[in-house]
Amino acid sequence: MMAERQVPGRRKQVIGNVVSNRMQKTIVVEVIRRKSHPLYSRVISKAKKYYAHDEKNEAHMGDVVRLEETRPLSKQKRWRLKEVVRKTALVPEVAAEPK
């Protein structure tokens, strides 16, 4: 049997929820990874936040998005928005104006 080799040029992708879009062209995405504990067989959740580049400011709070790894864009940004997988049912704060 041959061992699988990683394809060169393949970029990592993660899916998570947008927790902040207050910065210009930047979103913060929380990715939750669930894994079974090797000894106790309980499911453990680990959460990590990623800063991602959103060129068109299309992602809003609560959206589920797919990120793709890229070169460093700033001190913390190493990911970019690939696509919005699912839009949130909530209305963004900017669109909701009091009458």
N, C-alpha and C. Protein backbone atom coordinates (compact mmCIF):
# COMPACT_ATOMS: atom_id res chain seq x y z
N MET A 1 0.83 -1.19 0.00
CA MET A 1 0.00 0.00 0.00
C MET A 1 0.87 1.24 0.00
N MET A 2 0.47 2.22 -0.79
CA MET A 2 1.21 3.48 -0.81
C MET A 2 0.59 4.47 0.14
N ALA A 3 1.42 5.23 0.79
CA ALA A 3 0.92 6.27 1.70
C ALA A 3 0.46 7.48 0.88
N GLU A 4 -0.58 8.12 1.34
CA GLU A 4 -1.07 9.30 0.64
C GLU A 4 -0.11 10.45 0.84
N ARG A 5 0.18 11.17 -0.23
CA ARG A 5 1.05 12.33 -0.14
C ARG A 5 0.21 13.58 -0.33
N GLN A 6 0.62 14.63 0.37
CA GLN A 6 -0.12 15.88 0.27
C GLN A 6 0.14 16.51 -1.10
N VAL A 7 -0.91 16.98 -1.72
CA VAL A 7 -0.80 17.60 -3.04
C VAL A 7 -0.20 18.99 -2.87
N PRO A 8 0.91 19.30 -3.54
CA PRO A 8 1.48 20.63 -3.40
C PRO A 8 0.57 21.69 -4.01
N GLY A 9 0.50 22.83 -3.38
CA GLY A 9 -0.35 23.91 -3.87
C GLY A 9 -1.76 23.87 -3.35
N ARG A 10 -2.12 22.85 -2.59
CA ARG A 10 -3.47 22.75 -2.03
C ARG A 10 -3.54 23.61 -0.78
N ARG A 11 -4.51 24.51 -0.72
CA ARG A 11 -4.64 25.39 0.43
C ARG A 11 -5.66 24.84 1.42
N LYS A 12 -5.40 25.05 2.70
CA LYS A 12 -6.32 24.58 3.73
C LYS A 12 -7.60 25.39 3.70
N GLN A 13 -8.71 24.75 4.03
CA GLN A 13 -10.00 25.43 4.11
C GLN A 13 -10.67 25.04 5.41
N VAL A 14 -11.35 26.01 6.02
CA VAL A 14 -12.11 25.76 7.24
C VAL A 14 -13.47 26.43 7.11
N ILE A 15 -14.46 25.91 7.85
CA ILE A 15 -15.81 26.47 7.84
C ILE A 15 -16.15 26.88 9.26
N GLY A 16 -16.71 28.10 9.41
CA GLY A 16 -17.05 28.58 10.75
C GLY A 16 -18.07 29.69 10.71
N ASN A 17 -18.40 30.22 11.90
CA ASN A 17 -19.39 31.28 12.04
C ASN A 17 -18.71 32.63 12.20
N VAL A 18 -19.27 33.65 11.56
CA VAL A 18 -18.74 35.01 11.69
C VAL A 18 -19.19 35.56 13.05
N VAL A 19 -18.22 35.97 13.87
CA VAL A 19 -18.55 36.52 15.18
C VAL A 19 -18.36 38.04 15.22
N SER A 20 -17.64 38.60 14.23
CA SER A 20 -17.47 40.05 14.18
C SER A 20 -17.18 40.47 12.75
N ASN A 21 -17.82 41.59 12.33
CA ASN A 21 -17.51 42.18 11.03
C ASN A 21 -17.40 43.69 11.15
N ARG A 22 -16.97 44.17 12.31
CA ARG A 22 -16.90 45.61 12.56
C ARG A 22 -15.72 46.28 11.89
N MET A 23 -14.68 45.53 11.55
CA MET A 23 -13.52 46.12 10.90
C MET A 23 -13.76 46.23 9.40
N GLN A 24 -13.03 47.12 8.76
CA GLN A 24 -13.16 47.29 7.32
C GLN A 24 -12.41 46.17 6.62
N LYS A 25 -13.11 45.43 5.76
CA LYS A 25 -12.55 44.35 4.95
C LYS A 25 -11.96 43.21 5.79
N THR A 26 -12.38 43.10 7.04
CA THR A 26 -11.89 42.03 7.91
C THR A 26 -13.04 41.43 8.69
N ILE A 27 -13.07 40.11 8.79
CA ILE A 27 -14.07 39.43 9.62
C ILE A 27 -13.35 38.52 10.59
N VAL A 28 -14.00 38.25 11.71
CA VAL A 28 -13.48 37.29 12.68
C VAL A 28 -14.41 36.08 12.64
N VAL A 29 -13.83 34.91 12.40
CA VAL A 29 -14.60 33.68 12.24
C VAL A 29 -14.19 32.70 13.32
N GLU A 30 -15.20 32.14 14.01
CA GLU A 30 -14.93 31.13 15.03
C GLU A 30 -15.17 29.75 14.43
N VAL A 31 -14.14 28.91 14.49
CA VAL A 31 -14.22 27.55 13.97
C VAL A 31 -14.21 26.60 15.17
N ILE A 32 -15.22 25.75 15.26
CA ILE A 32 -15.32 24.79 16.35
C ILE A 32 -15.00 23.41 15.82
N ARG A 33 -13.99 22.78 16.41
CA ARG A 33 -13.59 21.43 16.02
C ARG A 33 -14.04 20.47 17.11
N ARG A 34 -14.71 19.42 16.72
CA ARG A 34 -15.18 18.41 17.67
C ARG A 34 -14.40 17.13 17.45
N LYS A 35 -13.89 16.56 18.55
CA LYS A 35 -13.06 15.37 18.46
C LYS A 35 -13.35 14.47 19.64
N SER A 36 -13.35 13.18 19.41
CA SER A 36 -13.57 12.22 20.48
C SER A 36 -12.29 12.07 21.30
N HIS A 37 -12.44 12.09 22.63
CA HIS A 37 -11.28 11.93 23.51
C HIS A 37 -10.76 10.49 23.38
N PRO A 38 -9.45 10.29 23.24
CA PRO A 38 -8.93 8.95 23.01
C PRO A 38 -9.17 7.97 24.16
N LEU A 39 -9.19 8.46 25.40
CA LEU A 39 -9.36 7.57 26.55
C LEU A 39 -10.80 7.52 27.04
N TYR A 40 -11.43 8.70 27.18
CA TYR A 40 -12.75 8.78 27.80
C TYR A 40 -13.91 8.73 26.81
N SER A 41 -13.63 8.76 25.54
CA SER A 41 -14.64 8.67 24.47
C SER A 41 -15.71 9.75 24.53
N ARG A 42 -15.42 10.86 25.18
CA ARG A 42 -16.34 11.99 25.19
C ARG A 42 -15.97 12.93 24.05
N VAL A 43 -16.96 13.60 23.51
CA VAL A 43 -16.70 14.54 22.43
C VAL A 43 -16.25 15.86 23.04
N ILE A 44 -15.08 16.32 22.59
CA ILE A 44 -14.51 17.56 23.11
C ILE A 44 -14.58 18.60 22.00
N SER A 45 -15.05 19.82 22.35
CA SER A 45 -15.12 20.92 21.40
C SER A 45 -13.99 21.90 21.66
N LYS A 46 -13.27 22.25 20.62
CA LYS A 46 -12.22 23.25 20.71
C LYS A 46 -12.58 24.37 19.74
N ALA A 47 -12.57 25.59 20.25
CA ALA A 47 -12.92 26.75 19.42
C ALA A 47 -11.68 27.59 19.16
N LYS A 48 -11.56 28.10 17.95
CA LYS A 48 -10.45 28.98 17.59
C LYS A 48 -10.97 30.08 16.68
N LYS A 49 -10.47 31.28 16.87
CA LYS A 49 -10.89 32.42 16.05
C LYS A 49 -9.83 32.72 15.00
N TYR A 50 -10.30 32.97 13.79
CA TYR A 50 -9.43 33.33 12.68
C TYR A 50 -9.82 34.70 12.16
N TYR A 51 -8.83 35.52 11.84
CA TYR A 51 -9.06 36.80 11.18
C TYR A 51 -8.95 36.56 9.68
N ALA A 52 -9.95 37.01 8.93
CA ALA A 52 -9.97 36.73 7.50
C ALA A 52 -10.25 38.00 6.71
N HIS A 53 -9.73 38.05 5.50
CA HIS A 53 -9.91 39.20 4.61
C HIS A 53 -11.21 39.05 3.83
N ASP A 54 -12.06 40.07 3.91
CA ASP A 54 -13.35 40.09 3.21
C ASP A 54 -13.36 41.33 2.33
N GLU A 55 -12.92 41.19 1.09
CA GLU A 55 -12.72 42.33 0.20
C GLU A 55 -13.98 43.15 -0.03
N LYS A 56 -15.13 42.49 -0.21
CA LYS A 56 -16.37 43.20 -0.56
C LYS A 56 -17.28 43.43 0.64
N ASN A 57 -16.84 43.11 1.85
CA ASN A 57 -17.66 43.24 3.06
C ASN A 57 -19.02 42.54 2.89
N GLU A 58 -19.00 41.31 2.38
CA GLU A 58 -20.24 40.59 2.11
C GLU A 58 -20.68 39.70 3.25
N ALA A 59 -19.82 39.38 4.20
CA ALA A 59 -20.19 38.51 5.32
C ALA A 59 -20.70 39.35 6.49
N HIS A 60 -21.75 38.84 7.16
CA HIS A 60 -22.33 39.52 8.31
C HIS A 60 -22.29 38.60 9.52
N MET A 61 -22.57 39.18 10.68
CA MET A 61 -22.57 38.40 11.92
C MET A 61 -23.55 37.24 11.81
N GLY A 62 -23.13 36.06 12.22
CA GLY A 62 -24.00 34.89 12.21
C GLY A 62 -23.93 34.07 10.94
N ASP A 63 -23.32 34.58 9.88
CA ASP A 63 -23.19 33.83 8.64
C ASP A 63 -22.22 32.66 8.82
N VAL A 64 -22.46 31.59 8.09
CA VAL A 64 -21.52 30.47 8.03
C VAL A 64 -20.69 30.66 6.77
N VAL A 65 -19.37 30.70 6.92
CA VAL A 65 -18.49 31.01 5.79
C VAL A 65 -17.38 29.97 5.67
N ARG A 66 -16.82 29.90 4.46
CA ARG A 66 -15.67 29.03 4.20
C ARG A 66 -14.46 29.94 4.00
N LEU A 67 -13.37 29.65 4.71
CA LEU A 67 -12.13 30.41 4.61
C LEU A 67 -11.08 29.59 3.90
N GLU A 68 -10.16 30.30 3.24
CA GLU A 68 -9.06 29.63 2.57
C GLU A 68 -7.76 30.26 3.04
N GLU A 69 -6.77 29.43 3.30
CA GLU A 69 -5.47 29.90 3.76
C GLU A 69 -4.80 30.71 2.65
N THR A 70 -4.09 31.77 3.04
CA THR A 70 -3.41 32.62 2.07
C THR A 70 -2.12 33.15 2.69
N ARG A 71 -1.38 33.94 1.95
CA ARG A 71 -0.16 34.54 2.49
C ARG A 71 -0.53 35.54 3.58
N PRO A 72 0.41 35.89 4.46
CA PRO A 72 0.09 36.88 5.50
C PRO A 72 -0.30 38.23 4.89
N LEU A 73 -1.48 38.72 5.28
CA LEU A 73 -1.98 39.99 4.76
C LEU A 73 -1.75 41.12 5.76
N SER A 74 -1.66 40.78 7.04
CA SER A 74 -1.36 41.75 8.08
C SER A 74 -0.80 40.98 9.27
N LYS A 75 -0.74 41.63 10.42
CA LYS A 75 -0.17 40.98 11.60
C LYS A 75 -0.93 39.71 11.99
N GLN A 76 -2.26 39.73 11.87
CA GLN A 76 -3.08 38.59 12.29
C GLN A 76 -3.81 37.88 11.16
N LYS A 77 -3.96 38.53 10.01
CA LYS A 77 -4.75 37.94 8.92
C LYS A 77 -3.91 37.00 8.05
N ARG A 78 -4.29 35.70 8.07
CA ARG A 78 -3.65 34.72 7.20
C ARG A 78 -4.68 33.93 6.42
N TRP A 79 -5.92 34.36 6.42
CA TRP A 79 -7.02 33.67 5.75
C TRP A 79 -7.80 34.67 4.92
N ARG A 80 -8.53 34.17 3.91
CA ARG A 80 -9.41 35.04 3.14
C ARG A 80 -10.75 34.33 2.95
N LEU A 81 -11.78 35.15 2.77
CA LEU A 81 -13.13 34.62 2.59
C LEU A 81 -13.23 33.97 1.22
N LYS A 82 -13.60 32.69 1.21
CA LYS A 82 -13.77 31.97 -0.06
C LYS A 82 -15.22 32.08 -0.52
N GLU A 83 -16.18 31.80 0.40
CA GLU A 83 -17.59 31.91 0.05
C GLU A 83 -18.43 31.98 1.32
N VAL A 84 -19.62 32.53 1.17
CA VAL A 84 -20.61 32.52 2.24
C VAL A 84 -21.46 31.27 2.03
N VAL A 85 -21.35 30.31 2.95
CA VAL A 85 -22.05 29.04 2.82
C VAL A 85 -23.53 29.23 3.12
N ARG A 86 -23.85 29.93 4.23
CA ARG A 86 -25.24 30.15 4.61
C ARG A 86 -25.38 31.52 5.24
N LYS A 87 -26.34 32.29 4.74
CA LYS A 87 -26.62 33.62 5.30
C LYS A 87 -27.43 33.46 6.58
N THR A 88 -27.27 34.40 7.49
CA THR A 88 -28.04 34.38 8.72
C THR A 88 -29.46 34.88 8.48
N ALA A 89 -30.39 34.43 9.32
CA ALA A 89 -31.78 34.87 9.20
C ALA A 89 -31.97 36.25 9.82
N LEU A 90 -31.00 36.67 10.65
CA LEU A 90 -31.09 37.98 11.29
C LEU A 90 -30.79 39.09 10.31
N VAL A 91 -31.44 40.23 10.52
CA VAL A 91 -31.22 41.39 9.66
C VAL A 91 -29.97 42.12 10.18
N PRO A 92 -29.01 42.49 9.32
CA PRO A 92 -27.84 43.22 9.78
C PRO A 92 -28.24 44.55 10.43
N GLU A 93 -27.42 45.01 11.37
CA GLU A 93 -27.72 46.23 12.13
C GLU A 93 -27.81 47.46 11.22
N VAL A 94 -27.03 47.50 10.16
CA VAL A 94 -27.02 48.66 9.27
C VAL A 94 -28.35 48.80 8.54
N ALA A 95 -28.93 47.67 8.12
CA ALA A 95 -30.18 47.71 7.35
C ALA A 95 -31.39 48.01 8.22
N ALA A 96 -31.32 47.65 9.50
CA ALA A 96 -32.46 47.86 10.39
C ALA A 96 -32.40 49.27 10.97
N GLU A 97 -33.22 50.17 10.42
CA GLU A 97 -33.26 51.55 10.89
C GLU A 97 -34.57 51.82 11.61
N PRO A 98 -34.50 52.51 12.77
CA PRO A 98 -35.74 52.83 13.49
C PRO A 98 -36.56 53.87 12.72
N LYS A 99 -37.90 53.77 12.79
CA LYS A 99 -38.76 54.70 12.07
C LYS A 99 -39.22 55.82 12.96
